[in-house]
C-alpha cells in the first residue's frame, strides 16, 4: 500500500506545481503576453504540440511544469514580451500562480467540508485546583479562545498549539464570552505545577461544536484556509526566533514521506483519501504563501523587484536594468537549490534513521 501512497503524493505535489504554472499561463494570456512554452511535467518531452505562438508539451517526470514567457528576463523587441508590460500586468502575472494554488486549497477544503456535520472551536473546559485567574475579571469555563498572544484561533487545536510555544512569561488572550469579545492583555498566566506536573498553565482546553449549515460550511472553509496561511507564518516566526530548528524543515522527499504516513495511519481507505486531501490543501496553501515571500527567484522576490522599480521610477525616473534583476534572480535560484538539496539530504537521512 505504501507505494500507492508514494505515487499519489508525487502526483498531487506535481499537480499543485502544475496548477501554479497554469495560473501564470492564464494570467499571461489575459494580459496579452506571449507564452513560448507551457509544459506539464519536467524532463524529456513525451508529447508536443505547437501553435502559432506557444509550444504545449507533456514531459516524462510528473513533478510540476513550467510556463516560459516571451521576454521574461530581457527585452526581445516583441511588444507582447513580459518586460514591456506595465506594473499591474506584471504584478497580476507574477501573483497568479500563488493565487491559483490558494484557490485550489480552498476548493479542496470546500469539498471536504461539504459533508461535515459540525465544526469545532477551542474553549476553556476547566481549571486545575489553585488556578488564580478564574472569575469574571479573568477566565471562565466556556470562554471561547479567539486569540492567543496575537495569533487567531480559528479551529480546534490552535489554542493548544500557541499555548505550547508560549514562553511562560505571561500572555495576551482574547476570548469570546456570551458573544462579547474580552481582551486580557499581559495576563499573569505563568507555567506552574498543577496535579503534580510542572509546566502547565492550569487550564484545560476543550471544544465547542458549531452546527454545520450552508453558511457555516463556507465560513469555516475560509477559516481553515486562513488557518493554513497562519500556520506558515507561525512556523516561519518560530524558525526565526529559535522556537524550532532548521532540522524541522522538509523538502519534496519529506512531503512525500508525510503523505505516506498520513495514508498509512488512516484506518480505512476512505479516511486515507480524506486525510491525504486535507494534507494536499495544506500543501497548496503553503505553496501559495511561500512563493510570495520576497526572496529572489520566487514570485514574491520578483514582485519585490517590481515594487523597487515602481519606487525608483517615481522618485528617480529610473528602473533597475533587467540584466541586474536577472542576476539577482539567478543568484537567488542557486541559493534556493542549495538549500533544497540540503533539506532533501536531511529528509533522506531521516528516512534511514
C-alpha atoms as a PDB file:
ATOM      1  CA  UNK A   1       0.000   0.000   0.000  1.00  0.00           C
ATOM      2  CA  UNK A   2       2.925   2.359   0.702  1.00  0.00           C
ATOM      3  CA  UNK A   3       3.898   2.524  -2.967  1.00  0.00           C
ATOM      4  CA  UNK A   4       0.370   3.708  -3.822  1.00  0.00           C
ATOM      5  CA  UNK A   5       0.608   6.495  -1.260  1.00  0.00           C
ATOM      6  CA  UNK A   6       4.037   7.468  -2.581  1.00  0.00           C
ATOM      7  CA  UNK A   7       2.746   7.616  -6.168  1.00  0.00           C
ATOM      8  CA  UNK A   8      -0.322   9.572  -5.018  1.00  0.00           C
ATOM      9  CA  UNK A   9       1.913  12.020  -3.156  1.00  0.00           C
ATOM     10  CA  UNK A  10       4.173  12.554  -6.181  1.00  0.00           C
ATOM     11  CA  UNK A  11       1.136  13.078  -8.416  1.00  0.00           C
ATOM     12  CA  UNK A  12      -0.517  15.549  -6.009  1.00  0.00           C
ATOM     13  CA  UNK A  13       2.679  17.530  -5.469  1.00  0.00           C
ATOM     14  CA  UNK A  14       3.304  17.662  -9.212  1.00  0.00           C
ATOM     15  CA  UNK A  15      -0.317  18.617  -9.852  1.00  0.00           C
ATOM     16  CA  UNK A  16      -0.121  21.524  -7.405  1.00  0.00           C
ATOM     17  CA  UNK A  17       3.054  22.823  -9.033  1.00  0.00           C
ATOM     18  CA  UNK A  18       1.414  22.468 -12.460  1.00  0.00           C
ATOM     19  CA  UNK A  19      -1.624  24.419 -11.149  1.00  0.00           C
ATOM     20  CA  UNK A  20       0.785  27.155 -10.106  1.00  0.00           C
ATOM     21  CA  UNK A  21       2.268  27.368 -13.594  1.00  0.00           C
ATOM     22  CA  UNK A  22      -1.224  27.272 -15.113  1.00  0.00           C
ATOM     23  CA  UNK A  23      -2.008  30.404 -13.105  1.00  0.00           C
ATOM     24  CA  UNK A  24       0.915  32.208 -14.741  1.00  0.00           C
ATOM     25  CA  UNK A  25      -0.144  30.924 -18.158  1.00  0.00           C
ATOM     26  CA  UNK A  26      -3.775  32.053 -17.879  1.00  0.00           C
ATOM     27  CA  UNK A  27      -2.789  35.458 -16.479  1.00  0.00           C
ATOM     28  CA  UNK A  28      -0.233  35.974 -19.247  1.00  0.00           C
ATOM     29  CA  UNK A  29      -2.830  35.182 -21.899  1.00  0.00           C
ATOM     30  CA  UNK A  30      -5.320  37.503 -20.198  1.00  0.00           C
ATOM     31  CA  UNK A  31      -2.756  40.313 -20.147  1.00  0.00           C
ATOM     32  CA  UNK A  32      -1.680  39.842 -23.765  1.00  0.00           C
ATOM     33  CA  UNK A  33       1.779  38.415 -23.043  1.00  0.00           C
ATOM     34  CA  UNK A  34       3.141  35.681 -25.317  1.00  0.00           C
ATOM     35  CA  UNK A  35       3.966  32.294 -23.776  1.00  0.00           C
ATOM     36  CA  UNK A  36       6.742  30.488 -25.633  1.00  0.00           C
ATOM     37  CA  UNK A  37       6.173  27.137 -23.911  1.00  0.00           C
ATOM     38  CA  UNK A  38       3.758  25.705 -21.395  1.00  0.00           C
ATOM     39  CA  UNK A  39       4.758  22.295 -20.082  1.00  0.00           C
ATOM     40  CA  UNK A  40       3.147  19.788 -17.723  1.00  0.00           C
ATOM     41  CA  UNK A  41       5.893  17.726 -16.110  1.00  0.00           C
ATOM     42  CA  UNK A  42       9.653  18.038 -16.321  1.00  0.00           C
ATOM     43  CA  UNK A  43      12.424  16.187 -18.139  1.00  0.00           C
ATOM     44  CA  UNK A  44      12.280  14.691 -21.669  1.00  0.00           C
ATOM     45  CA  UNK A  45       9.253  15.512 -23.816  1.00  0.00           C
ATOM     46  CA  UNK A  46       6.782  12.704 -24.454  1.00  0.00           C
ATOM     47  CA  UNK A  47       4.237  14.812 -26.337  1.00  0.00           C
ATOM     48  CA  UNK A  48       4.422  18.151 -28.090  1.00  0.00           C
ATOM     49  CA  UNK A  49       2.007  20.395 -29.935  1.00  0.00           C
ATOM     50  CA  UNK A  50       2.962  23.743 -31.378  1.00  0.00           C
ATOM     51  CA  UNK A  51       0.560  26.603 -32.049  1.00  0.00           C
ATOM     52  CA  UNK A  52       1.360  29.908 -33.690  1.00  0.00           C
ATOM     53  CA  UNK A  53       2.984  31.364 -30.547  1.00  0.00           C
ATOM     54  CA  UNK A  54       3.139  28.624 -27.902  1.00  0.00           C
ATOM     55  CA  UNK A  55       4.591  25.139 -27.591  1.00  0.00           C
ATOM     56  CA  UNK A  56       2.448  22.854 -25.423  1.00  0.00           C
ATOM     57  CA  UNK A  57       4.222  19.795 -24.072  1.00  0.00           C
ATOM     58  CA  UNK A  58       3.966  16.848 -21.718  1.00  0.00           C
ATOM     59  CA  UNK A  59       7.185  15.692 -20.109  1.00  0.00           C
ATOM     60  CA  UNK A  60       8.219  12.404 -18.591  1.00  0.00           C
ATOM     61  CA  UNK A  61       8.556  13.315 -14.908  1.00  0.00           C
ATOM     62  CA  UNK A  62       5.258  14.232 -13.183  1.00  0.00           C
ATOM     63  CA  UNK A  63       6.899  16.727 -10.825  1.00  0.00           C
ATOM     64  CA  UNK A  64       5.431  20.053 -11.858  1.00  0.00           C
ATOM     65  CA  UNK A  65       5.847  22.054 -15.015  1.00  0.00           C
ATOM     66  CA  UNK A  66       6.819  25.472 -16.267  1.00  0.00           C
ATOM     67  CA  UNK A  67       5.488  28.484 -18.115  1.00  0.00           C
ATOM     68  CA  UNK A  68       8.110  30.245 -20.244  1.00  0.00           C
ATOM     69  CA  UNK A  69       7.126  33.829 -21.018  1.00  0.00           C
ATOM     70  CA  UNK A  70       8.341  35.806 -24.006  1.00  0.00           C
ATOM     71  CA  UNK A  71      10.949  38.297 -22.818  1.00  0.00           C
ATOM     72  CA  UNK A  72      10.798  37.149 -19.222  1.00  0.00           C
ATOM     73  CA  UNK A  73      14.291  38.368 -18.301  1.00  0.00           C
ATOM     74  CA  UNK A  74      15.324  40.524 -21.268  1.00  0.00           C
ATOM     75  CA  UNK A  75      13.765  42.730 -23.903  1.00  0.00           C
ATOM     76  CA  UNK A  76      13.336  40.702 -27.086  1.00  0.00           C
ATOM     77  CA  UNK A  77      11.837  43.603 -29.029  1.00  0.00           C
ATOM     78  CA  UNK A  78       8.394  41.981 -29.007  1.00  0.00           C
ATOM     79  CA  UNK A  79       5.628  44.320 -27.830  1.00  0.00           C
ATOM     80  CA  UNK A  80       3.955  41.309 -26.221  1.00  0.00           C
ATOM     81  CA  UNK A  81       7.060  40.497 -24.174  1.00  0.00           C
ATOM     82  CA  UNK A  82       6.762  40.388 -20.391  1.00  0.00           C
ATOM     83  CA  UNK A  83       9.376  43.079 -19.732  1.00  0.00           C
ATOM     84  CA  UNK A  84       7.457  45.573 -21.889  1.00  0.00           C
ATOM     85  CA  UNK A  85       4.285  45.371 -19.836  1.00  0.00           C
ATOM     86  CA  UNK A  86       3.161  47.853 -17.221  1.00  0.00           C
ATOM     87  CA  UNK A  87       3.265  47.405 -13.443  1.00  0.00           C
ATOM     88  CA  UNK A  88      -0.199  45.918 -12.974  1.00  0.00           C
ATOM     89  CA  UNK A  89       0.055  43.386 -15.785  1.00  0.00           C
ATOM     90  CA  UNK A  90       3.401  42.159 -14.454  1.00  0.00           C
ATOM     91  CA  UNK A  91       2.007  42.026 -10.923  1.00  0.00           C
ATOM     92  CA  UNK A  92      -1.049  40.019 -11.993  1.00  0.00           C
ATOM     93  CA  UNK A  93       1.060  37.525 -13.954  1.00  0.00           C
ATOM     94  CA  UNK A  94       3.570  37.048 -11.135  1.00  0.00           C
ATOM     95  CA  UNK A  95       0.922  36.690  -8.421  1.00  0.00           C
ATOM     96  CA  UNK A  96      -1.422  34.453 -10.444  1.00  0.00           C
ATOM     97  CA  UNK A  97       0.451  31.214  -9.696  1.00  0.00           C
ATOM     98  CA  UNK A  98       0.198  31.630  -5.930  1.00  0.00           C
ATOM     99  CA  UNK A  99      -3.407  32.799  -6.282  1.00  0.00           C
ATOM    100  CA  UNK A 100      -4.401  29.645  -8.159  1.00  0.00           C
ATOM    101  CA  UNK A 101      -2.622  27.473  -5.582  1.00  0.00           C
ATOM    102  CA  UNK A 102      -4.613  29.198  -2.842  1.00  0.00           C
ATOM    103  CA  UNK A 103      -7.854  28.720  -4.786  1.00  0.00           C
ATOM    104  CA  UNK A 104      -7.015  25.021  -5.260  1.00  0.00           C
ATOM    105  CA  UNK A 105      -6.560  24.679  -1.496  1.00  0.00           C
ATOM    106  CA  UNK A 106      -9.876  26.416  -0.796  1.00  0.00           C
ATOM    107  CA  UNK A 107     -11.717  24.190  -3.304  1.00  0.00           C
ATOM    108  CA  UNK A 108     -10.298  21.023  -1.709  1.00  0.00           C
ATOM    109  CA  UNK A 109     -11.349  22.212   1.754  1.00  0.00           C
ATOM    110  CA  UNK A 110     -14.814  23.109   0.474  1.00  0.00           C
ATOM    111  CA  UNK A 111     -15.295  19.570  -0.848  1.00  0.00           C
ATOM    112  CA  UNK A 112     -14.042  18.073   2.415  1.00  0.00           C
ATOM    113  CA  UNK A 113     -16.372  20.261   4.492  1.00  0.00           C
ATOM    114  CA  UNK A 114     -19.399  19.665   2.245  1.00  0.00           C
ATOM    115  CA  UNK A 115     -20.414  16.628   4.277  1.00  0.00           C
ATOM    116  CA  UNK A 116     -19.411  17.966   7.696  1.00  0.00           C
ATOM    117  CA  UNK A 117     -21.964  17.737  10.491  1.00  0.00           C
ATOM    118  CA  UNK A 118     -20.264  20.337  12.668  1.00  0.00           C
ATOM    119  CA  UNK A 119     -17.119  22.358  13.262  1.00  0.00           C
ATOM    120  CA  UNK A 120     -15.080  22.577  16.430  1.00  0.00           C
ATOM    121  CA  UNK A 121     -13.536  25.601  18.121  1.00  0.00           C
ATOM    122  CA  UNK A 122     -11.365  25.760  21.244  1.00  0.00           C
ATOM    123  CA  UNK A 123     -12.848  26.809  24.556  1.00  0.00           C
ATOM    124  CA  UNK A 124     -11.831  26.652  28.206  1.00  0.00           C
ATOM    125  CA  UNK A 125     -13.096  23.367  29.632  1.00  0.00           C
ATOM    126  CA  UNK A 126     -11.883  23.688  33.223  1.00  0.00           C
ATOM    127  CA  UNK A 127      -9.181  24.775  35.650  1.00  0.00           C
ATOM    128  CA  UNK A 128      -6.725  22.972  37.879  1.00  0.00           C
ATOM    129  CA  UNK A 129      -7.083  23.379  41.625  1.00  0.00           C
ATOM    130  CA  UNK A 130      -5.401  26.575  42.726  1.00  0.00           C
ATOM    131  CA  UNK A 131      -5.722  28.351  39.389  1.00  0.00           C
ATOM    132  CA  UNK A 132      -5.572  32.051  40.367  1.00  0.00           C
ATOM    133  CA  UNK A 133      -7.305  33.746  37.440  1.00  0.00           C
ATOM    134  CA  UNK A 134     -10.750  32.174  37.445  1.00  0.00           C
ATOM    135  CA  UNK A 135     -13.622  34.638  37.547  1.00  0.00           C
ATOM    136  CA  UNK A 136     -15.440  37.371  35.663  1.00  0.00           C
ATOM    137  CA  UNK A 137     -12.335  39.576  35.635  1.00  0.00           C
ATOM    138  CA  UNK A 138     -10.197  36.699  34.396  1.00  0.00           C
ATOM    139  CA  UNK A 139     -11.117  33.477  32.645  1.00  0.00           C
ATOM    140  CA  UNK A 140     -14.235  31.344  32.946  1.00  0.00           C
ATOM    141  CA  UNK A 141     -15.271  27.865  31.832  1.00  0.00           C
ATOM    142  CA  UNK A 142     -16.944  28.138  28.433  1.00  0.00           C
ATOM    143  CA  UNK A 143     -14.833  31.091  27.243  1.00  0.00           C
ATOM    144  CA  UNK A 144     -14.079  30.557  23.543  1.00  0.00           C
ATOM    145  CA  UNK A 145     -10.496  31.260  22.533  1.00  0.00           C
ATOM    146  CA  UNK A 146     -10.242  33.959  19.884  1.00  0.00           C
ATOM    147  CA  UNK A 147      -6.557  34.955  20.058  1.00  0.00           C
ATOM    148  CA  UNK A 148      -3.515  33.718  21.944  1.00  0.00           C
ATOM    149  CA  UNK A 149      -0.583  36.160  22.003  1.00  0.00           C
ATOM    150  CA  UNK A 150      -1.996  37.821  18.890  1.00  0.00           C
ATOM    151  CA  UNK A 151      -2.428  34.572  16.934  1.00  0.00           C
ATOM    152  CA  UNK A 152      -6.006  33.898  15.819  1.00  0.00           C
ATOM    153  CA  UNK A 153      -7.523  30.601  16.955  1.00  0.00           C
ATOM    154  CA  UNK A 154      -9.725  29.585  14.049  1.00  0.00           C
ATOM    155  CA  UNK A 155     -10.286  25.886  14.697  1.00  0.00           C
ATOM    156  CA  UNK A 156      -9.757  23.108  17.217  1.00  0.00           C
ATOM    157  CA  UNK A 157      -6.114  22.651  18.162  1.00  0.00           C
ATOM    158  CA  UNK A 158      -4.967  26.213  17.544  1.00  0.00           C
ATOM    159  CA  UNK A 159      -5.150  27.309  21.193  1.00  0.00           C
ATOM    160  CA  UNK A 160      -3.145  24.320  22.413  1.00  0.00           C
ATOM    161  CA  UNK A 161      -0.507  24.958  19.725  1.00  0.00           C
ATOM    162  CA  UNK A 162       0.000  28.609  20.610  1.00  0.00           C
ATOM    163  CA  UNK A 163      -0.059  27.901  24.357  1.00  0.00           C
ATOM    164  CA  UNK A 164       2.612  25.259  23.796  1.00  0.00           C
ATOM    165  CA  UNK A 165       5.009  27.826  22.324  1.00  0.00           C
ATOM    166  CA  UNK A 166       4.343  30.495  24.940  1.00  0.00           C
ATOM    167  CA  UNK A 167       7.500  31.314  26.896  1.00  0.00           C
ATOM    168  CA  UNK A 168       5.716  31.125  30.239  1.00  0.00           C
ATOM    169  CA  UNK A 169       6.177  34.828  30.953  1.00  0.00           C
ATOM    170  CA  UNK A 170       2.528  35.803  30.766  1.00  0.00           C
ATOM    171  CA  UNK A 171       0.419  36.248  27.652  1.00  0.00           C
ATOM    172  CA  UNK A 172      -2.290  38.200  25.886  1.00  0.00           C
ATOM    173  CA  UNK A 173      -5.607  36.422  25.497  1.00  0.00           C
ATOM    174  CA  UNK A 174      -8.787  37.376  23.708  1.00  0.00           C
ATOM    175  CA  UNK A 175     -11.827  35.249  24.427  1.00  0.00           C
ATOM    176  CA  UNK A 176     -15.499  35.331  23.486  1.00  0.00           C
ATOM    177  CA  UNK A 177     -17.933  35.176  26.411  1.00  0.00           C
ATOM    178  CA  UNK A 178     -21.676  35.366  25.778  1.00  0.00           C
ATOM    179  CA  UNK A 179     -20.994  36.816  22.331  1.00  0.00           C
ATOM    180  CA  UNK A 180     -18.746  39.571  23.682  1.00  0.00           C
ATOM    181  CA  UNK A 181     -15.016  39.844  22.961  1.00  0.00           C
ATOM    182  CA  UNK A 182     -12.958  40.191  26.141  1.00  0.00           C
ATOM    183  CA  UNK A 183      -9.306  41.219  25.820  1.00  0.00           C
ATOM    184  CA  UNK A 184      -6.923  40.318  28.645  1.00  0.00           C
ATOM    185  CA  UNK A 185      -3.518  41.888  27.999  1.00  0.00           C
ATOM    186  CA  UNK A 186      -0.285  40.759  29.642  1.00  0.00           C
ATOM    187  CA  UNK A 187      -2.218  38.216  31.648  1.00  0.00           C
ATOM    188  CA  UNK A 188      -0.090  36.924  34.560  1.00  0.00           C
ATOM    189  CA  UNK A 189      -0.572  33.371  33.361  1.00  0.00           C
ATOM    190  CA  UNK A 190       2.655  31.501  34.023  1.00  0.00           C
ATOM    191  CA  UNK A 191       3.696  27.905  33.779  1.00  0.00           C
ATOM    192  CA  UNK A 192       3.459  26.209  37.131  1.00  0.00           C
ATOM    193  CA  UNK A 193       2.938  22.843  38.770  1.00  0.00           C
ATOM    194  CA  UNK A 194      -0.607  21.513  38.688  1.00  0.00           C
ATOM    195  CA  UNK A 195      -1.665  17.993  39.530  1.00  0.00           C
ATOM    196  CA  UNK A 196       1.959  17.122  40.246  1.00  0.00           C
ATOM    197  CA  UNK A 197       3.009  18.021  36.684  1.00  0.00           C
ATOM    198  CA  UNK A 198       5.175  21.084  36.082  1.00  0.00           C
ATOM    199  CA  UNK A 199       4.998  23.347  33.026  1.00  0.00           C
ATOM    200  CA  UNK A 200       1.214  23.612  32.904  1.00  0.00           C
ATOM    201  CA  UNK A 201      -0.811  26.800  32.723  1.00  0.00           C
ATOM    202  CA  UNK A 202      -3.524  25.387  34.952  1.00  0.00           C
ATOM    203  CA  UNK A 203      -6.329  25.318  32.427  1.00  0.00           C
ATOM    204  CA  UNK A 204      -7.674  22.643  30.121  1.00  0.00           C
ATOM    205  CA  UNK A 205      -8.740  23.215  26.519  1.00  0.00           C
ATOM    206  CA  UNK A 206     -11.964  21.650  25.274  1.00  0.00           C
ATOM    207  CA  UNK A 207     -14.098  22.137  22.190  1.00  0.00           C
ATOM    208  CA  UNK A 208     -17.394  23.732  21.325  1.00  0.00           C
ATOM    209  CA  UNK A 209     -19.347  22.435  18.334  1.00  0.00           C
ATOM    210  CA  UNK A 210     -20.689  24.826  15.711  1.00  0.00           C
ATOM    211  CA  UNK A 211     -23.569  23.218  13.750  1.00  0.00           C
ATOM    212  CA  UNK A 212     -22.920  22.705  10.044  1.00  0.00           C
ATOM    213  CA  UNK A 213     -25.106  24.858   7.809  1.00  0.00           C
ATOM    214  CA  UNK A 214     -24.523  26.177   4.307  1.00  0.00           C
ATOM    215  CA  UNK A 215     -23.261  29.469   5.771  1.00  0.00           C
ATOM    216  CA  UNK A 216     -21.021  27.838   8.393  1.00  0.00           C
ATOM    217  CA  UNK A 217     -19.516  25.487   5.780  1.00  0.00           C
ATOM    218  CA  UNK A 218     -18.495  28.498   3.681  1.00  0.00           C
ATOM    219  CA  UNK A 219     -17.283  30.371   6.770  1.00  0.00           C
ATOM    220  CA  UNK A 220     -15.195  27.514   8.143  1.00  0.00           C
ATOM    221  CA  UNK A 221     -13.795  26.682   4.715  1.00  0.00           C
ATOM    222  CA  UNK A 222     -12.440  30.224   4.674  1.00  0.00           C
ATOM    223  CA  UNK A 223     -11.286  29.917   8.307  1.00  0.00           C
ATOM    224  CA  UNK A 224      -9.434  26.696   7.504  1.00  0.00           C
ATOM    225  CA  UNK A 225      -7.654  28.333   4.557  1.00  0.00           C
ATOM    226  CA  UNK A 226      -6.684  31.307   6.738  1.00  0.00           C
ATOM    227  CA  UNK A 227      -5.543  28.896   9.439  1.00  0.00           C
ATOM    228  CA  UNK A 228      -3.226  27.211   6.931  1.00  0.00           C
ATOM    229  CA  UNK A 229      -1.797  30.637   5.997  1.00  0.00           C
ATOM    230  CA  UNK A 230      -1.291  31.456   9.672  1.00  0.00           C
ATOM    231  CA  UNK A 231       0.447  28.122  10.269  1.00  0.00           C
ATOM    232  CA  UNK A 232       3.026  29.047   7.626  1.00  0.00           C
ATOM    233  CA  UNK A 233       3.657  32.454   9.212  1.00  0.00           C
ATOM    234  CA  UNK A 234       3.761  30.936  12.706  1.00  0.00           C
ATOM    235  CA  UNK A 235       6.271  28.314  11.566  1.00  0.00           C
ATOM    236  CA  UNK A 236       8.469  30.972   9.952  1.00  0.00           C
ATOM    237  CA  UNK A 237       8.222  33.101  13.103  1.00  0.00           C
ATOM    238  CA  UNK A 238       9.269  30.158  15.271  1.00  0.00           C
ATOM    239  CA  UNK A 239      12.128  29.392  12.875  1.00  0.00           C
ATOM    240  CA  UNK A 240      13.430  32.971  13.056  1.00  0.00           C
ATOM    241  CA  UNK A 241      13.021  33.262  16.836  1.00  0.00           C
ATOM    242  CA  UNK A 242      14.506  29.835  17.557  1.00  0.00           C
ATOM    243  CA  UNK A 243      11.266  28.180  18.627  1.00  0.00           C
ATOM    244  CA  UNK A 244      12.006  25.386  16.140  1.00  0.00           C
ATOM    245  CA  UNK A 245      15.233  24.375  14.445  1.00  0.00           C
ATOM    246  CA  UNK A 246      16.184  24.042  10.779  1.00  0.00           C
ATOM    247  CA  UNK A 247      16.014  20.268  11.240  1.00  0.00           C
ATOM    248  CA  UNK A 248      12.226  20.670  11.238  1.00  0.00           C
ATOM    249  CA  UNK A 249      12.262  21.846   7.597  1.00  0.00           C
ATOM    250  CA  UNK A 250      11.054  19.437   4.932  1.00  0.00           C
ATOM    251  CA  UNK A 251      11.504  19.322   1.174  1.00  0.00           C
ATOM    252  CA  UNK A 252       9.826  17.204  -1.513  1.00  0.00           C
ATOM    253  CA  UNK A 253      11.091  13.929  -0.024  1.00  0.00           C
ATOM    254  CA  UNK A 254       9.801  14.904   3.403  1.00  0.00           C
ATOM    255  CA  UNK A 255       6.448  15.906   1.957  1.00  0.00           C
ATOM    256  CA  UNK A 256       6.082  12.585   0.125  1.00  0.00           C
ATOM    257  CA  UNK A 257       7.042  10.779   3.331  1.00  0.00           C
ATOM    258  CA  UNK A 258       4.428  12.789   5.274  1.00  0.00           C
ATOM    259  CA  UNK A 259       1.765  11.943   2.680  1.00  0.00           C
ATOM    260  CA  UNK A 260       2.623   8.257   3.087  1.00  0.00           C
ATOM    261  CA  UNK A 261       2.478   8.437   6.890  1.00  0.00           C
ATOM    262  CA  UNK A 262      -0.905  10.192   6.745  1.00  0.00           C
ATOM    263  CA  UNK A 263      -2.278   7.469   4.463  1.00  0.00           C
ATOM    264  CA  UNK A 264      -0.872   4.541   6.441  1.00  0.00           C
ATOM    265  CA  UNK A 265      -2.135   5.968   9.759  1.00  0.00           C
ATOM    266  CA  UNK A 266      -5.711   6.073   8.444  1.00  0.00           C
ATOM    267  CA  UNK A 267      -7.989   3.218   9.477  1.00  0.00           C
ATOM    268  CA  UNK A 268      -9.834   2.919   6.137  1.00  0.00           C
ATOM    269  CA  UNK A 269      -9.132   3.764   2.525  1.00  0.00           C
ATOM    270  CA  UNK A 270     -11.902   6.364   2.569  1.00  0.00           C
ATOM    271  CA  UNK A 271     -10.392   8.045   5.614  1.00  0.00           C
ATOM    272  CA  UNK A 272      -6.960   7.882   3.988  1.00  0.00           C
ATOM    273  CA  UNK A 273      -8.297   9.702   0.916  1.00  0.00           C
ATOM    274  CA  UNK A 274      -9.849  12.409   3.109  1.00  0.00           C
ATOM    275  CA  UNK A 275      -6.707  12.838   5.193  1.00  0.00           C
ATOM    276  CA  UNK A 276      -4.465  12.989   2.138  1.00  0.00           C
ATOM    277  CA  UNK A 277      -6.823  15.517   0.504  1.00  0.00           C
ATOM    278  CA  UNK A 278      -6.687  17.623   3.671  1.00  0.00           C
ATOM    279  CA  UNK A 279      -2.882  17.474   3.616  1.00  0.00           C
ATOM    280  CA  UNK A 280      -2.929  18.372  -0.099  1.00  0.00           C
ATOM    281  CA  UNK A 281      -4.965  21.502   0.735  1.00  0.00           C
ATOM    282  CA  UNK A 282      -2.376  22.411   3.366  1.00  0.00           C
ATOM    283  CA  UNK A 283       0.461  21.992   0.842  1.00  0.00           C
ATOM    284  CA  UNK A 284      -1.434  24.040  -1.770  1.00  0.00           C
ATOM    285  CA  UNK A 285      -1.823  26.976   0.622  1.00  0.00           C
ATOM    286  CA  UNK A 286       1.790  26.547   1.769  1.00  0.00           C
ATOM    287  CA  UNK A 287       2.988  26.822  -1.828  1.00  0.00           C
ATOM    288  CA  UNK A 288       0.931  29.982  -2.278  1.00  0.00           C
ATOM    289  CA  UNK A 289       2.318  31.687   0.828  1.00  0.00           C
ATOM    290  CA  UNK A 290       5.936  30.573   0.426  1.00  0.00           C
ATOM    291  CA  UNK A 291       6.010  31.619  -3.231  1.00  0.00           C
ATOM    292  CA  UNK A 292       5.030  35.161  -2.291  1.00  0.00           C
ATOM    293  CA  UNK A 293       7.903  35.612   0.169  1.00  0.00           C
ATOM    294  CA  UNK A 294      10.230  38.424  -1.015  1.00  0.00           C
ATOM    295  CA  UNK A 295      13.063  36.034  -1.841  1.00  0.00           C
ATOM    296  CA  UNK A 296      14.928  36.296  -5.163  1.00  0.00           C
ATOM    297  CA  UNK A 297      13.860  33.706  -7.780  1.00  0.00           C
ATOM    298  CA  UNK A 298      10.472  33.246  -6.120  1.00  0.00           C
ATOM    299  CA  UNK A 299       7.445  35.118  -7.420  1.00  0.00           C
ATOM    300  CA  UNK A 300       7.471  37.219  -4.254  1.00  0.00           C
ATOM    301  CA  UNK A 301      11.064  38.232  -4.942  1.00  0.00           C
ATOM    302  CA  UNK A 302      10.184  39.300  -8.457  1.00  0.00           C
ATOM    303  CA  UNK A 303       7.174  41.234  -7.150  1.00  0.00           C
ATOM    304  CA  UNK A 304       9.508  42.945  -4.663  1.00  0.00           C
ATOM    305  CA  UNK A 305      11.833  43.979  -7.515  1.00  0.00           C
ATOM    306  CA  UNK A 306       8.762  45.194  -9.389  1.00  0.00           C
ATOM    307  CA  UNK A 307       7.905  47.416  -6.418  1.00  0.00           C
ATOM    308  CA  UNK A 308      11.525  48.636  -6.282  1.00  0.00           C
ATOM    309  CA  UNK A 309      11.218  49.592  -9.955  1.00  0.00           C
ATOM    310  CA  UNK A 310       7.963  51.435  -9.284  1.00  0.00           C
ATOM    311  CA  UNK A 311       9.516  53.417  -6.418  1.00  0.00           C
ATOM    312  CA  UNK A 312      12.665  54.096  -8.447  1.00  0.00           C
ATOM    313  CA  UNK A 313      10.594  55.370 -11.358  1.00  0.00           C
ATOM    314  CA  UNK A 314       8.523  57.568  -9.052  1.00  0.00           C
ATOM    315  CA  UNK A 315      11.490  59.112  -7.220  1.00  0.00           C
ATOM    316  CA  UNK A 316      14.386  58.967  -9.700  1.00  0.00           C
ATOM    317  CA  UNK A 317      12.748  58.295 -13.090  1.00  0.00           C
ATOM    318  CA  UNK A 318      14.911  55.194 -13.380  1.00  0.00           C
ATOM    319  CA  UNK A 319      14.422  51.462 -13.024  1.00  0.00           C
ATOM    320  CA  UNK A 320      16.730  48.580 -12.189  1.00  0.00           C
ATOM    321  CA  UNK A 321      18.107  47.189 -15.506  1.00  0.00           C
ATOM    322  CA  UNK A 322      16.758  43.757 -16.478  1.00  0.00           C
ATOM    323  CA  UNK A 323      20.244  42.240 -16.521  1.00  0.00           C
ATOM    324  CA  UNK A 324      20.743  43.088 -12.844  1.00  0.00           C
ATOM    325  CA  UNK A 325      17.318  41.763 -11.951  1.00  0.00           C
ATOM    326  CA  UNK A 326      18.144  38.561 -13.855  1.00  0.00           C
ATOM    327  CA  UNK A 327      21.447  38.288 -11.962  1.00  0.00           C
ATOM    328  CA  UNK A 328      19.685  38.691  -8.605  1.00  0.00           C
ATOM    329  CA  UNK A 329      17.089  36.069  -9.540  1.00  0.00           C
ATOM    330  CA  UNK A 330      19.784  33.672 -10.772  1.00  0.00           C
ATOM    331  CA  UNK A 331      21.747  34.055  -7.540  1.00  0.00           C
ATOM    332  CA  UNK A 332      18.562  33.502  -5.566  1.00  0.00           C
ATOM    333  CA  UNK A 333      17.762  30.407  -7.623  1.00  0.00           C
ATOM    334  CA  UNK A 334      21.204  28.921  -6.991  1.00  0.00           C
ATOM    335  CA  UNK A 335      20.865  29.630  -3.255  1.00  0.00           C
ATOM    336  CA  UNK A 336      17.385  28.079  -3.110  1.00  0.00           C
ATOM    337  CA  UNK A 337      18.593  24.996  -4.974  1.00  0.00           C
ATOM    338  CA  UNK A 338      21.439  24.660  -2.475  1.00  0.00           C
ATOM    339  CA  UNK A 339      19.011  24.903   0.439  1.00  0.00           C
ATOM    340  CA  UNK A 340      16.654  22.449  -1.272  1.00  0.00           C
ATOM    341  CA  UNK A 341      19.471  19.938  -1.767  1.00  0.00           C
ATOM    342  CA  UNK A 342      20.483  20.272   1.889  1.00  0.00           C
ATOM    343  CA  UNK A 343      16.888  19.820   3.068  1.00  0.00           C
ATOM    344  CA  UNK A 344      16.416  16.849   0.713  1.00  0.00           C
ATOM    345  CA  UNK A 345      19.567  15.227   2.066  1.00  0.00           C
ATOM    346  CA  UNK A 346      18.224  15.795   5.582  1.00  0.00           C
ATOM    347  CA  UNK A 347      14.868  14.229   4.607  1.00  0.00           C
ATOM    348  CA  UNK A 348      16.604  11.161   3.150  1.00  0.00           C
ATOM    349  CA  UNK A 349      18.777  10.872   6.253  1.00  0.00           C
ATOM    350  CA  UNK A 350      15.664  10.878   8.477  1.00  0.00           C
ATOM    351  CA  UNK A 351      14.158   8.027   6.441  1.00  0.00           C
ATOM    352  CA  UNK A 352      17.117   5.761   7.245  1.00  0.00           C
ATOM    353  CA  UNK A 353      17.398   6.616  10.930  1.00  0.00           C
END
